[in-house]
Every structure is written in structure tokens, then in C-alpha cells.
PDB file of N, CA and C in Angstrom:
ATOM      1  N   MET A   1     -14.189   8.486  -2.164  1.00  0.00           N
ATOM      2  CA  MET A   1     -14.184   9.119  -2.714  1.00  0.00           C
ATOM      3  C   MET A   1     -12.994   8.557  -3.457  1.00  0.00           C
ATOM      4  N   VAL A   2     -12.419   8.753  -3.851  1.00  0.00           N
ATOM      5  CA  VAL A   2     -11.012   8.545  -5.151  1.00  0.00           C
ATOM      6  C   VAL A   2     -11.776   8.055  -6.180  1.00  0.00           C
ATOM      7  N   GLU A   3     -12.573   6.523  -5.448  1.00  0.00           N
ATOM      8  CA  GLU A   3     -13.058   5.596  -6.531  1.00  0.00           C
ATOM      9  C   GLU A   3     -14.476   6.908  -7.347  1.00  0.00           C
ATOM     10  N   GLN A   4     -14.864   7.302  -6.465  1.00  0.00           N
ATOM     11  CA  GLN A   4     -15.673   8.671  -7.378  1.00  0.00           C
ATOM     12  C   GLN A   4     -15.444   9.871  -7.965  1.00  0.00           C
ATOM     13  N   TYR A   5     -14.177  10.501  -7.757  1.00  0.00           N
ATOM     14  CA  TYR A   5     -13.536  10.433  -8.923  1.00  0.00           C
ATOM     15  C   TYR A   5     -12.926  10.471 -10.046  1.00  0.00           C
ATOM     16  N   ARG A   6     -11.933   9.142  -9.516  1.00  0.00           N
ATOM     17  CA  ARG A   6     -11.192   8.366 -11.210  1.00  0.00           C
ATOM     18  C   ARG A   6     -12.800   8.077 -12.452  1.00  0.00           C
ATOM     19  N   LEU A   7     -14.241   8.388 -11.468  1.00  0.00           N
ATOM     20  CA  LEU A   7     -14.769   7.495 -12.502  1.00  0.00           C
ATOM     21  C   LEU A   7     -15.565   8.797 -13.276  1.00  0.00           C
ATOM     22  N   LYS A   8     -15.391   9.990 -12.704  1.00  0.00           N
ATOM     23  CA  LYS A   8     -15.070  11.232 -13.160  1.00  0.00           C
ATOM     24  C   LYS A   8     -14.281  11.175 -14.273  1.00  0.00           C
ATOM     25  N   GLY A   9     -12.589  10.848 -14.266  1.00  0.00           N
ATOM     26  CA  GLY A   9     -12.403  11.217 -14.626  1.00  0.00           C
ATOM     27  C   GLY A   9     -10.764  12.185 -14.238  1.00  0.00           C
ATOM     28  N   ARG A  10     -11.234  12.217 -13.138  1.00  0.00           N
ATOM     29  CA  ARG A  10     -10.437  13.345 -12.176  1.00  0.00           C
ATOM     30  C   ARG A  10      -9.512  12.677 -11.284  1.00  0.00           C
ATOM     31  N   GLU A  11      -8.747  13.853 -10.736  1.00  0.00           N
ATOM     32  CA  GLU A  11      -7.706  13.329  -9.059  1.00  0.00           C
ATOM     33  C   GLU A  11      -8.238  14.340  -8.080  1.00  0.00           C
ATOM     34  N   VAL A  12      -8.234  13.292  -6.996  1.00  0.00           N
ATOM     35  CA  VAL A  12      -8.103  13.980  -6.669  1.00  0.00           C
ATOM     36  C   VAL A  12      -7.683  14.428  -5.405  1.00  0.00           C
ATOM     37  N   LEU A  13      -7.621  16.143  -5.426  1.00  0.00           N
ATOM     38  CA  LEU A  13      -6.278  17.076  -5.160  1.00  0.00           C
ATOM     39  C   LEU A  13      -6.827  17.855  -4.176  1.00  0.00           C
ATOM     40  N   CYS A  14      -5.502  17.914  -2.891  1.00  0.00           N
ATOM     41  CA  CYS A  14      -5.609  18.237  -2.092  1.00  0.00           C
ATOM     42  C   CYS A  14      -4.280  18.954  -1.239  1.00  0.00           C
ATOM     43  N   ASN A  15      -4.187  19.269   0.071  1.00  0.00           N
ATOM     44  CA  ASN A  15      -3.253  20.415   0.794  1.00  0.00           C
ATOM     45  C   ASN A  15      -2.813  19.494   2.308  1.00  0.00           C
ATOM     46  N   LEU A  16      -1.653  19.366   2.207  1.00  0.00           N
ATOM     47  CA  LEU A  16      -1.411  18.068   3.977  1.00  0.00           C
ATOM     48  C   LEU A  16      -1.623  18.836   4.788  1.00  0.00           C
ATOM     49  N   VAL A  17      -2.411  19.966   6.130  1.00  0.00           N
ATOM     50  CA  VAL A  17      -1.841  20.710   6.457  1.00  0.00           C
ATOM     51  C   VAL A  17      -0.628  19.639   8.198  1.00  0.00           C
ATOM     52  N   MET A  18      -0.234  20.217   8.850  1.00  0.00           N
ATOM     53  CA  MET A  18       0.594  19.141   9.720  1.00  0.00           C
ATOM     54  C   MET A  18      -0.173  20.603  10.412  1.00  0.00           C
ATOM     55  N   ASP A  19      -0.264  20.710  11.678  1.00  0.00           N
ATOM     56  CA  ASP A  19      -0.249  21.605  12.811  1.00  0.00           C
ATOM     57  C   ASP A  19      -0.041  20.747  14.605  1.00  0.00           C
ATOM     58  N   GLU A  20       0.866  21.328  15.481  1.00  0.00           N
ATOM     59  CA  GLU A  20       1.320  20.932  16.293  1.00  0.00           C
ATOM     60  C   GLU A  20       0.469  21.890  17.607  1.00  0.00           C
ATOM     61  N   MET A  21       0.521  21.219  18.507  1.00  0.00           N
ATOM     62  CA  MET A  21      -0.814  22.275  20.019  1.00  0.00           C
ATOM     63  C   MET A  21       0.337  21.193  21.134  1.00  0.00           C
ATOM     64  N   SER A  22       0.042  22.623  21.666  1.00  0.00           N
ATOM     65  CA  SER A  22       0.095  22.348  23.755  1.00  0.00           C
ATOM     66  C   SER A  22      -0.087  21.626  24.077  1.00  0.00           C
ATOM     67  N   LYS A  23      -0.619  20.448  24.743  1.00  0.00           N
ATOM     68  CA  LYS A  23      -1.706  20.048  24.870  1.00  0.00           C
ATOM     69  C   LYS A  23      -1.128  20.052  27.260  1.00  0.00           C
ATOM     70  N   LYS A  24      -2.757  20.402  27.939  1.00  0.00           N
ATOM     71  CA  LYS A  24      -2.312  20.396  29.127  1.00  0.00           C
ATOM     72  C   LYS A  24      -1.885  18.889  29.737  1.00  0.00           C
ATOM     73  N   ASN A  25      -0.495  20.036  30.291  1.00  0.00           N
ATOM     74  CA  ASN A  25      -0.681  18.000  31.653  1.00  0.00           C
ATOM     75  C   ASN A  25      -1.180  17.880  32.075  1.00  0.00           C
ATOM     76  N   GLN A  26      -2.135  17.046  31.909  1.00  0.00           N
ATOM     77  CA  GLN A  26      -2.757  16.210  32.866  1.00  0.00           C
ATOM     78  C   GLN A  26      -3.299  14.341  33.043  1.00  0.00           C
ATOM     79  N   VAL A  27      -3.204  14.032  33.950  1.00  0.00           N
ATOM     80  CA  VAL A  27      -3.516  13.108  33.553  1.00  0.00           C
ATOM     81  C   VAL A  27      -4.822  12.412  33.993  1.00  0.00           C
ATOM     82  N   GLU A  28      -5.682  12.130  33.507  1.00  0.00           N
ATOM     83  CA  GLU A  28      -7.065  11.021  34.158  1.00  0.00           C
ATOM     84  C   GLU A  28      -7.224   9.281  33.933  1.00  0.00           C
ATOM     85  N   PHE A  29      -7.995   9.351  35.268  1.00  0.00           N
ATOM     86  CA  PHE A  29      -9.219   8.195  34.888  1.00  0.00           C
ATOM     87  C   PHE A  29     -10.364   8.290  34.479  1.00  0.00           C
ATOM     88  N   THR A  30     -10.638   7.076  33.265  1.00  0.00           N
ATOM     89  CA  THR A  30     -11.634   7.956  32.398  1.00  0.00           C
ATOM     90  C   THR A  30     -12.772   7.306  33.339  1.00  0.00           C
ATOM     91  N   GLY A  31     -12.782   5.849  34.399  1.00  0.00           N
ATOM     92  CA  GLY A  31     -13.278   5.083  34.129  1.00  0.00           C
ATOM     93  C   GLY A  31     -12.706   3.580  33.889  1.00  0.00           C
ATOM     94  N   LYS A  32     -12.421   4.052  32.726  1.00  0.00           N
ATOM     95  CA  LYS A  32     -11.744   2.525  32.413  1.00  0.00           C
ATOM     96  C   LYS A  32     -10.711   2.520  31.812  1.00  0.00           C
ATOM     97  N   THR A  33      -9.725   3.519  31.262  1.00  0.00           N
ATOM     98  CA  THR A  33      -8.624   4.508  31.171  1.00  0.00           C
ATOM     99  C   THR A  33      -7.625   5.662  31.643  1.00  0.00           C
ATOM    100  N   MET A  34      -6.841   5.080  31.491  1.00  0.00           N
ATOM    101  CA  MET A  34      -5.791   6.412  31.698  1.00  0.00           C
ATOM    102  C   MET A  34      -5.788   6.974  30.741  1.00  0.00           C
ATOM    103  N   THR A  35      -6.060   8.609  30.550  1.00  0.00           N
ATOM    104  CA  THR A  35      -5.577   9.635  29.284  1.00  0.00           C
ATOM    105  C   THR A  35      -4.411  10.593  30.016  1.00  0.00           C
ATOM    106  N   GLY A  36      -4.426  11.213  28.695  1.00  0.00           N
ATOM    107  CA  GLY A  36      -2.852  12.447  29.251  1.00  0.00           C
ATOM    108  C   GLY A  36      -1.086  11.406  29.017  1.00  0.00           C
ATOM    109  N   TYR A  37      -1.441  10.816  28.696  1.00  0.00           N
ATOM    110  CA  TYR A  37       0.069  10.013  28.669  1.00  0.00           C
ATOM    111  C   TYR A  37       0.720   9.459  26.613  1.00  0.00           C
ATOM    112  N   VAL A  38       2.122   9.957  26.278  1.00  0.00           N
ATOM    113  CA  VAL A  38       1.852   9.822  25.138  1.00  0.00           C
ATOM    114  C   VAL A  38       1.730   8.659  24.582  1.00  0.00           C
ATOM    115  N   HIS A  39       0.128   9.206  23.346  1.00  0.00           N
ATOM    116  CA  HIS A  39      -0.242   8.084  22.754  1.00  0.00           C
ATOM    117  C   HIS A  39       0.356   7.979  21.274  1.00  0.00           C
ATOM    118  N   LEU A  40       0.518   6.858  20.136  1.00  0.00           N
ATOM    119  CA  LEU A  40       1.701   7.293  18.637  1.00  0.00           C
ATOM    120  C   LEU A  40       0.632   5.870  18.255  1.00  0.00           C
ATOM    121  N   GLY A  41      -1.150   5.625  18.379  1.00  0.00           N
ATOM    122  CA  GLY A  41      -1.352   4.974  17.533  1.00  0.00           C
ATOM    123  C   GLY A  41      -1.624   3.786  18.239  1.00  0.00           C
ATOM    124  N   PHE A  42      -1.082   2.830  18.970  1.00  0.00           N
ATOM    125  CA  PHE A  42      -1.377   1.810  19.871  1.00  0.00           C
ATOM    126  C   PHE A  42      -1.501   1.460  21.465  1.00  0.00           C
ATOM    127  N   GLN A  43      -1.454   1.191  22.055  1.00  0.00           N
ATOM    128  CA  GLN A  43      -1.615   0.757  23.318  1.00  0.00           C
ATOM    129  C   GLN A  43      -0.491   0.247  23.793  1.00  0.00           C
ATOM    130  N   ILE A  44       0.407   0.493  24.541  1.00  0.00           N
ATOM    131  CA  ILE A  44       1.480   0.744  25.133  1.00  0.00           C
ATOM    132  C   ILE A  44       0.650   0.693  26.372  1.00  0.00           C
ATOM    133  N   HIS A  45       1.597  -0.273  27.321  1.00  0.00           N
ATOM    134  CA  HIS A  45       0.622  -0.701  28.637  1.00  0.00           C
ATOM    135  C   HIS A  45       2.652  -0.822  29.825  1.00  0.00           C
ATOM    136  N   SER A  46       2.217   0.285  30.151  1.00  0.00           N
ATOM    137  CA  SER A  46       3.726   0.045  30.980  1.00  0.00           C
ATOM    138  C   SER A  46       3.687   1.613  31.976  1.00  0.00           C
ATOM    139  N   ASP A  47       4.126   1.557  33.257  1.00  0.00           N
ATOM    140  CA  ASP A  47       4.400   1.637  34.147  1.00  0.00           C
ATOM    141  C   ASP A  47       5.610   3.278  33.736  1.00  0.00           C
ATOM    142  N   GLU A  48       6.583   2.955  32.697  1.00  0.00           N
ATOM    143  CA  GLU A  48       6.801   3.980  32.947  1.00  0.00           C
ATOM    144  C   GLU A  48       6.648   4.453  31.064  1.00  0.00           C
ATOM    145  N   THR A  49       5.248   5.106  31.036  1.00  0.00           N
ATOM    146  CA  THR A  49       5.051   5.811  29.872  1.00  0.00           C
ATOM    147  C   THR A  49       5.341   7.243  30.172  1.00  0.00           C
ATOM    148  N   GLU A  50       5.494   8.112  29.698  1.00  0.00           N
ATOM    149  CA  GLU A  50       5.197   9.358  30.180  1.00  0.00           C
ATOM    150  C   GLU A  50       4.470  10.054  29.465  1.00  0.00           C
ATOM    151  N   GLU A  51       4.467  11.050  30.248  1.00  0.00           N
ATOM    152  CA  GLU A  51       2.989  12.152  30.318  1.00  0.00           C
ATOM    153  C   GLU A  51       3.094  12.840  28.878  1.00  0.00           C
ATOM    154  N   ALA A  52       1.945  13.164  28.498  1.00  0.00           N
ATOM    155  CA  ALA A  52       1.800  13.908  26.299  1.00  0.00           C
ATOM    156  C   ALA A  52       2.326  15.662  27.001  1.00  0.00           C
ATOM    157  N   ARG A  53       2.758  16.096  25.758  1.00  0.00           N
ATOM    158  CA  ARG A  53       3.091  17.406  26.446  1.00  0.00           C
ATOM    159  C   ARG A  53       2.051  18.459  24.913  1.00  0.00           C
ATOM    160  N   GLU A  54       2.705  17.379  24.013  1.00  0.00           N
ATOM    161  CA  GLU A  54       2.130  17.993  22.492  1.00  0.00           C
ATOM    162  C   GLU A  54       1.140  17.465  21.827  1.00  0.00           C
ATOM    163  N   VAL A  55       0.373  17.680  21.044  1.00  0.00           N
ATOM    164  CA  VAL A  55      -0.303  16.511  19.893  1.00  0.00           C
ATOM    165  C   VAL A  55      -0.098  17.248  18.682  1.00  0.00           C
ATOM    166  N   LEU A  56       0.417  16.400  17.583  1.00  0.00           N
ATOM    167  CA  LEU A  56       1.204  16.658  16.455  1.00  0.00           C
ATOM    168  C   LEU A  56      -0.396  15.908  15.974  1.00  0.00           C
ATOM    169  N   VAL A  57      -1.182  16.756  14.550  1.00  0.00           N
ATOM    170  CA  VAL A  57      -2.223  16.585  14.306  1.00  0.00           C
ATOM    171  C   VAL A  57      -2.140  16.761  12.240  1.00  0.00           C
ATOM    172  N   PHE A  58      -2.688  15.568  11.369  1.00  0.00           N
ATOM    173  CA  PHE A  58      -2.502  15.888  10.166  1.00  0.00           C
ATOM    174  C   PHE A  58      -3.454  15.864   9.483  1.00  0.00           C
ATOM    175  N   THR A  59      -4.036  16.361   8.577  1.00  0.00           N
ATOM    176  CA  THR A  59      -5.224  16.779   7.928  1.00  0.00           C
ATOM    177  C   THR A  59      -5.290  17.041   6.511  1.00  0.00           C
ATOM    178  N   LEU A  60      -5.942  16.406   5.763  1.00  0.00           N
ATOM    179  CA  LEU A  60      -6.082  17.039   4.753  1.00  0.00           C
ATOM    180  C   LEU A  60      -7.054  17.988   4.006  1.00  0.00           C
ATOM    181  N   VAL A  61      -6.609  19.125   2.795  1.00  0.00           N
ATOM    182  CA  VAL A  61      -8.154  20.203   3.189  1.00  0.00           C
ATOM    183  C   VAL A  61      -8.339  19.427   1.210  1.00  0.00           C
ATOM    184  N   GLY A  62      -9.228  19.650   0.556  1.00  0.00           N
ATOM    185  CA  GLY A  62      -9.434  18.657  -0.448  1.00  0.00           C
ATOM    186  C   GLY A  62      -9.273  20.293  -1.495  1.00  0.00           C
ATOM    187  N   ILE A  63      -8.931  20.608  -2.579  1.00  0.00           N
ATOM    188  CA  ILE A  63      -8.611  21.880  -3.876  1.00  0.00           C
ATOM    189  C   ILE A  63     -10.003  21.218  -4.124  1.00  0.00           C
ATOM    190  N   ASN A  64      -9.844  20.545  -5.123  1.00  0.00           N
ATOM    191  CA  ASN A  64     -11.272  20.417  -6.229  1.00  0.00           C
ATOM    192  C   ASN A  64     -12.396  19.611  -5.660  1.00  0.00           C
ATOM    193  N   GLY A  65     -12.271  19.979  -4.287  1.00  0.00           N
ATOM    194  CA  GLY A  65     -13.620  20.030  -3.699  1.00  0.00           C
ATOM    195  C   GLY A  65     -14.353  19.759  -2.557  1.00  0.00           C
ATOM    196  N   HIS A  66     -15.325  20.284  -1.744  1.00  0.00           N
ATOM    197  CA  HIS A  66     -14.898  20.922  -0.236  1.00  0.00           C
ATOM    198  C   HIS A  66     -15.221  19.944   0.789  1.00  0.00           C
ATOM    199  N   TRP A  67     -13.885  19.418   1.066  1.00  0.00           N
ATOM    200  CA  TRP A  67     -14.230  17.965   2.641  1.00  0.00           C
ATOM    201  C   TRP A  67     -12.728  18.072   3.126  1.00  0.00           C
ATOM    202  N   LYS A  68     -12.944  17.928   4.583  1.00  0.00           N
ATOM    203  CA  LYS A  68     -11.748  18.135   5.732  1.00  0.00           C
ATOM    204  C   LYS A  68     -11.685  16.429   6.137  1.00  0.00           C
ATOM    205  N   ILE A  69     -10.399  16.032   6.049  1.00  0.00           N
ATOM    206  CA  ILE A  69     -10.341  14.820   6.947  1.00  0.00           C
ATOM    207  C   ILE A  69      -8.953  14.946   7.023  1.00  0.00           C
ATOM    208  N   PRO A  70      -9.539  14.801   9.207  1.00  0.00           N
ATOM    209  CA  PRO A  70      -8.130  14.149   9.772  1.00  0.00           C
ATOM    210  C   PRO A  70      -7.688  13.020   9.233  1.00  0.00           C
ATOM    211  N   VAL A  71      -6.424  12.179   8.884  1.00  0.00           N
ATOM    212  CA  VAL A  71      -5.678  11.684   8.264  1.00  0.00           C
ATOM    213  C   VAL A  71      -5.085  11.007  10.163  1.00  0.00           C
ATOM    214  N   VAL A  72      -4.223  12.403  10.482  1.00  0.00           N
ATOM    215  CA  VAL A  72      -2.732  11.494  11.667  1.00  0.00           C
ATOM    216  C   VAL A  72      -3.152  12.596  12.724  1.00  0.00           C
ATOM    217  N   TYR A  73      -3.301  11.858  13.448  1.00  0.00           N
ATOM    218  CA  TYR A  73      -2.874  12.643  15.136  1.00  0.00           C
ATOM    219  C   TYR A  73      -1.810  11.368  16.186  1.00  0.00           C
ATOM    220  N   LEU A  74      -1.133  12.410  15.965  1.00  0.00           N
ATOM    221  CA  LEU A  74      -0.158  11.381  17.741  1.00  0.00           C
ATOM    222  C   LEU A  74      -0.399  12.351  18.716  1.00  0.00           C
ATOM    223  N   ILE A  75      -0.201  12.154  19.822  1.00  0.00           N
ATOM    224  CA  ILE A  75      -0.500  12.413  21.075  1.00  0.00           C
ATOM    225  C   ILE A  75       1.478  11.655  21.945  1.00  0.00           C
ATOM    226  N   LEU A  76       1.619  13.331  22.476  1.00  0.00           N
ATOM    227  CA  LEU A  76       3.502  12.949  21.973  1.00  0.00           C
ATOM    228  C   LEU A  76       4.151  13.539  22.671  1.00  0.00           C
ATOM    229  N   ASN A  77       5.286  13.351  23.611  1.00  0.00           N
ATOM    230  CA  ASN A  77       6.796  13.886  24.395  1.00  0.00           C
ATOM    231  C   ASN A  77       7.419  14.964  24.106  1.00  0.00           C
ATOM    232  N   GLY A  78       7.628  14.945  22.683  1.00  0.00           N
ATOM    233  CA  GLY A  78       8.610  16.050  21.545  1.00  0.00           C
ATOM    234  C   GLY A  78       9.535  15.034  21.078  1.00  0.00           C
ATOM    235  N   LEU A  79       9.163  15.385  19.175  1.00  0.00           N
ATOM    236  CA  LEU A  79       9.471  15.115  18.585  1.00  0.00           C
ATOM    237  C   LEU A  79      10.997  15.959  17.642  1.00  0.00           C
ATOM    238  N   ASN A  80      12.542  15.281  17.912  1.00  0.00           N
ATOM    239  CA  ASN A  80      12.867  16.511  17.092  1.00  0.00           C
ATOM    240  C   ASN A  80      13.044  16.271  15.682  1.00  0.00           C
ATOM    241  N   SER A  81      13.779  17.613  15.218  1.00  0.00           N
ATOM    242  CA  SER A  81      13.317  17.032  13.406  1.00  0.00           C
ATOM    243  C   SER A  81      13.225  16.518  13.469  1.00  0.00           C
ATOM    244  N   LYS A  82      14.802  15.419  13.130  1.00  0.00           N
ATOM    245  CA  LYS A  82      14.481  14.110  11.818  1.00  0.00           C
ATOM    246  C   LYS A  82      13.565  13.161  12.089  1.00  0.00           C
ATOM    247  N   GLU A  83      13.237  13.422  13.314  1.00  0.00           N
ATOM    248  CA  GLU A  83      12.116  12.730  14.233  1.00  0.00           C
ATOM    249  C   GLU A  83      10.529  12.851  12.957  1.00  0.00           C
ATOM    250  N   LYS A  84      10.761  14.135  13.512  1.00  0.00           N
ATOM    251  CA  LYS A  84       9.431  14.472  12.392  1.00  0.00           C
ATOM    252  C   LYS A  84       8.877  14.274  11.688  1.00  0.00           C
ATOM    253  N   ALA A  85      10.227  15.003  10.300  1.00  0.00           N
ATOM    254  CA  ALA A  85      10.576  14.851   9.143  1.00  0.00           C
ATOM    255  C   ALA A  85       9.901  12.947   8.622  1.00  0.00           C
ATOM    256  N   GLY A  86      10.596  12.712   9.614  1.00  0.00           N
ATOM    257  CA  GLY A  86      10.376  10.761   9.152  1.00  0.00           C
ATOM    258  C   GLY A  86       8.426  10.770   9.197  1.00  0.00           C
ATOM    259  N   VAL A  87       8.554  11.233   9.952  1.00  0.00           N
ATOM    260  CA  VAL A  87       6.300  11.283  10.520  1.00  0.00           C
ATOM    261  C   VAL A  87       6.447  11.768   9.098  1.00  0.00           C
ATOM    262  N   VAL A  88       6.159  13.126   8.807  1.00  0.00           N
ATOM    263  CA  VAL A  88       5.946  14.088   7.584  1.00  0.00           C
ATOM    264  C   VAL A  88       6.010  12.944   5.711  1.00  0.00           C
ATOM    265  N   GLN A  89       7.206  12.259   6.054  1.00  0.00           N
ATOM    266  CA  GLN A  89       7.268  11.184   5.309  1.00  0.00           C
ATOM    267  C   GLN A  89       6.567  10.209   5.218  1.00  0.00           C
ATOM    268  N   GLU A  90       6.707   9.403   6.276  1.00  0.00           N
ATOM    269  CA  GLU A  90       4.850   8.406   6.719  1.00  0.00           C
ATOM    270  C   GLU A  90       4.100   9.315   5.737  1.00  0.00           C
ATOM    271  N   VAL A  91       4.197   9.836   6.497  1.00  0.00           N
ATOM    272  CA  VAL A  91       2.004  10.572   6.025  1.00  0.00           C
ATOM    273  C   VAL A  91       1.724  10.697   4.729  1.00  0.00           C
ATOM    274  N   ILE A  92       3.340  11.493   3.744  1.00  0.00           N
ATOM    275  CA  ILE A  92       2.845  11.339   2.638  1.00  0.00           C
ATOM    276  C   ILE A  92       2.923  10.871   1.824  1.00  0.00           C
ATOM    277  N   LYS A  93       3.616   8.945   2.298  1.00  0.00           N
ATOM    278  CA  LYS A  93       3.551   8.239   1.260  1.00  0.00           C
ATOM    279  C   LYS A  93       2.094   7.167   2.030  1.00  0.00           C
ATOM    280  N   PHE A  94       1.611   7.198   3.302  1.00  0.00           N
ATOM    281  CA  PHE A  94       0.240   6.819   3.118  1.00  0.00           C
ATOM    282  C   PHE A  94      -1.005   7.267   2.231  1.00  0.00           C
ATOM    283  N   VAL A  95      -0.603   8.956   2.045  1.00  0.00           N
ATOM    284  CA  VAL A  95      -1.496   9.548   1.483  1.00  0.00           C
ATOM    285  C   VAL A  95      -1.783   9.316   0.651  1.00  0.00           C
ATOM    286  N   HIS A  96       0.001   8.785  -0.229  1.00  0.00           N
ATOM    287  CA  HIS A  96      -0.123   9.178  -2.186  1.00  0.00           C
ATOM    288  C   HIS A  96      -0.425   7.846  -2.117  1.00  0.00           C
ATOM    289  N   GLU A  97      -0.526   6.555  -1.362  1.00  0.00           N
ATOM    290  CA  GLU A  97      -0.860   4.918  -1.948  1.00  0.00           C
ATOM    291  C   GLU A  97      -2.415   4.874  -1.745  1.00  0.00           C
ATOM    292  N   SER A  98      -3.496   5.794  -1.235  1.00  0.00           N
ATOM    293  CA  SER A  98      -4.247   5.879  -0.971  1.00  0.00           C
ATOM    294  C   SER A  98      -5.232   6.428  -3.012  1.00  0.00           C
ATOM    295  N   GLY A  99      -3.985   6.691  -3.508  1.00  0.00           N
ATOM    296  CA  GLY A  99      -4.591   7.750  -4.651  1.00  0.00           C
ATOM    297  C   GLY A  99      -4.621   9.170  -4.902  1.00  0.00           C
ATOM    298  N   VAL A 100      -4.530   9.727  -3.700  1.00  0.00           N
ATOM    299  CA  VAL A 100      -5.136  10.964  -3.392  1.00  0.00           C
ATOM    300  C   VAL A 100      -3.260  11.461  -3.558  1.00  0.00           C
ATOM    301  N   VAL A 101      -3.383  13.313  -4.410  1.00  0.00           N
ATOM    302  CA  VAL A 101      -1.926  13.669  -4.894  1.00  0.00           C
ATOM    303  C   VAL A 101      -2.561  15.328  -4.267  1.00  0.00           C
ATOM    304  N   ILE A 102      -1.796  14.938  -2.559  1.00  0.00           N
ATOM    305  CA  ILE A 102      -0.364  15.822  -2.627  1.00  0.00           C
ATOM    306  C   ILE A 102      -0.144  17.245  -2.974  1.00  0.00           C
ATOM    307  N   THR A 103      -1.038  18.480  -3.270  1.00  0.00           N
ATOM    308  CA  THR A 103      -0.426  19.441  -4.108  1.00  0.00           C
ATOM    309  C   THR A 103       0.483  20.428  -3.027  1.00  0.00           C
ATOM    310  N   SER A 104      -0.162  20.901  -1.460  1.00  0.00           N
ATOM    311  CA  SER A 104       1.331  21.262  -0.927  1.00  0.00           C
ATOM    312  C   SER A 104       1.081  20.916   0.740  1.00  0.00           C
ATOM    313  N   PHE A 105       1.766  21.851   1.260  1.00  0.00           N
ATOM    314  CA  PHE A 105       2.020  21.140   2.388  1.00  0.00           C
ATOM    315  C   PHE A 105       2.256  22.858   3.378  1.00  0.00           C
ATOM    316  N   THR A 106       1.235  22.687   3.932  1.00  0.00           N
ATOM    317  CA  THR A 106       0.842  23.862   5.047  1.00  0.00           C
ATOM    318  C   THR A 106       1.421  23.367   5.912  1.00  0.00           C
ATOM    319  N   PHE A 107       2.020  24.049   7.389  1.00  0.00           N
ATOM    320  CA  PHE A 107       2.614  24.202   8.643  1.00  0.00           C
ATOM    321  C   PHE A 107       2.685  25.418   9.470  1.00  0.00           C
ATOM    322  N   ASP A 108       2.382  25.334  10.620  1.00  0.00           N
ATOM    323  CA  ASP A 108       2.841  26.618  10.944  1.00  0.00           C
ATOM    324  C   ASP A 108       3.506  26.593  12.494  1.00  0.00           C
ATOM    325  N   ALA A 109       4.861  26.863  11.750  1.00  0.00           N
ATOM    326  CA  ALA A 109       5.803  27.279  12.291  1.00  0.00           C
ATOM    327  C   ALA A 109       6.142  26.019  13.227  1.00  0.00           C
ATOM    328  N   PRO A 110       6.531  24.839  13.591  1.00  0.00           N
ATOM    329  CA  PRO A 110       6.981  23.830  14.047  1.00  0.00           C
ATOM    330  C   PRO A 110       8.236  23.654  15.222  1.00  0.00           C
ATOM    331  N   THR A 111       8.610  24.101  16.092  1.00  0.00           N
ATOM    332  CA  THR A 111       9.699  23.780  17.335  1.00  0.00           C
ATOM    333  C   THR A 111      10.173  23.497  15.617  1.00  0.00           C
ATOM    334  N   ILE A 112      11.667  23.290  15.629  1.00  0.00           N
ATOM    335  CA  ILE A 112      13.090  22.810  15.538  1.00  0.00           C
ATOM    336  C   ILE A 112      13.809  22.388  17.350  1.00  0.00           C
ATOM    337  N   THR A 113      14.536  20.891  17.334  1.00  0.00           N
ATOM    338  CA  THR A 113      15.512  20.560  17.619  1.00  0.00           C
ATOM    339  C   THR A 113      16.290  19.303  17.463  1.00  0.00           C
TER     340      THR A 113
END
């Protein structure tokens, strides 16, 4: 998509949206894997894995186009404000490196710890 815009002499402009949601505390076996544990994008095999309490989702919403793309979702057990700031910085860096321009950042009053 970025390349298509560049060929037309335009930039891809978007709003970055961060949404924090509580999730039901429930661990289940799906027949193949266990779900409901903290998941940060890579597989961890441990008896000490924590049960997840929330989901943190980052979505890009087109400003000069009609699209919405989820970028990252983390299934976790809480982050403090410093850790959340680090995640936000990494997401912004990732999006910037793809050639997309973030013009605004929206979040729905995340809890600060």
C-alpha cells in the first residue's frame, strides 16, 4: 500500500490508536494448545507462565484512505506506565520504518501504574 501511494506522489497518513481491554480470566485447552496465558508474540513453554488479564491493541486508521489495520496486540498481565511507553515507542518506530506517517495518536484513558 505504501508503494502504491508513493507512485502517486502521496504519503500514507494515519492515526495510531491504542486500546486497552480487560479479558476474562480463563485458561482453556483447545485440543492443541493452552490459551488464556500471557502472550507477547512468541511462544513460551513454562509452568510459571502467568494467566492474562488484559489485551493491548494498536491499530492504524487511514486518514487519506479508507482502511484500518491492526498492527500489534499483546495479551498480558499488566504493564506499568514506563513499560507502556516503551511499547508505544517500539510501535511508532516500527510504523515509521514501514514508510507510514503517524499524524495523531489516540488512546482511551489507559490505567497508569
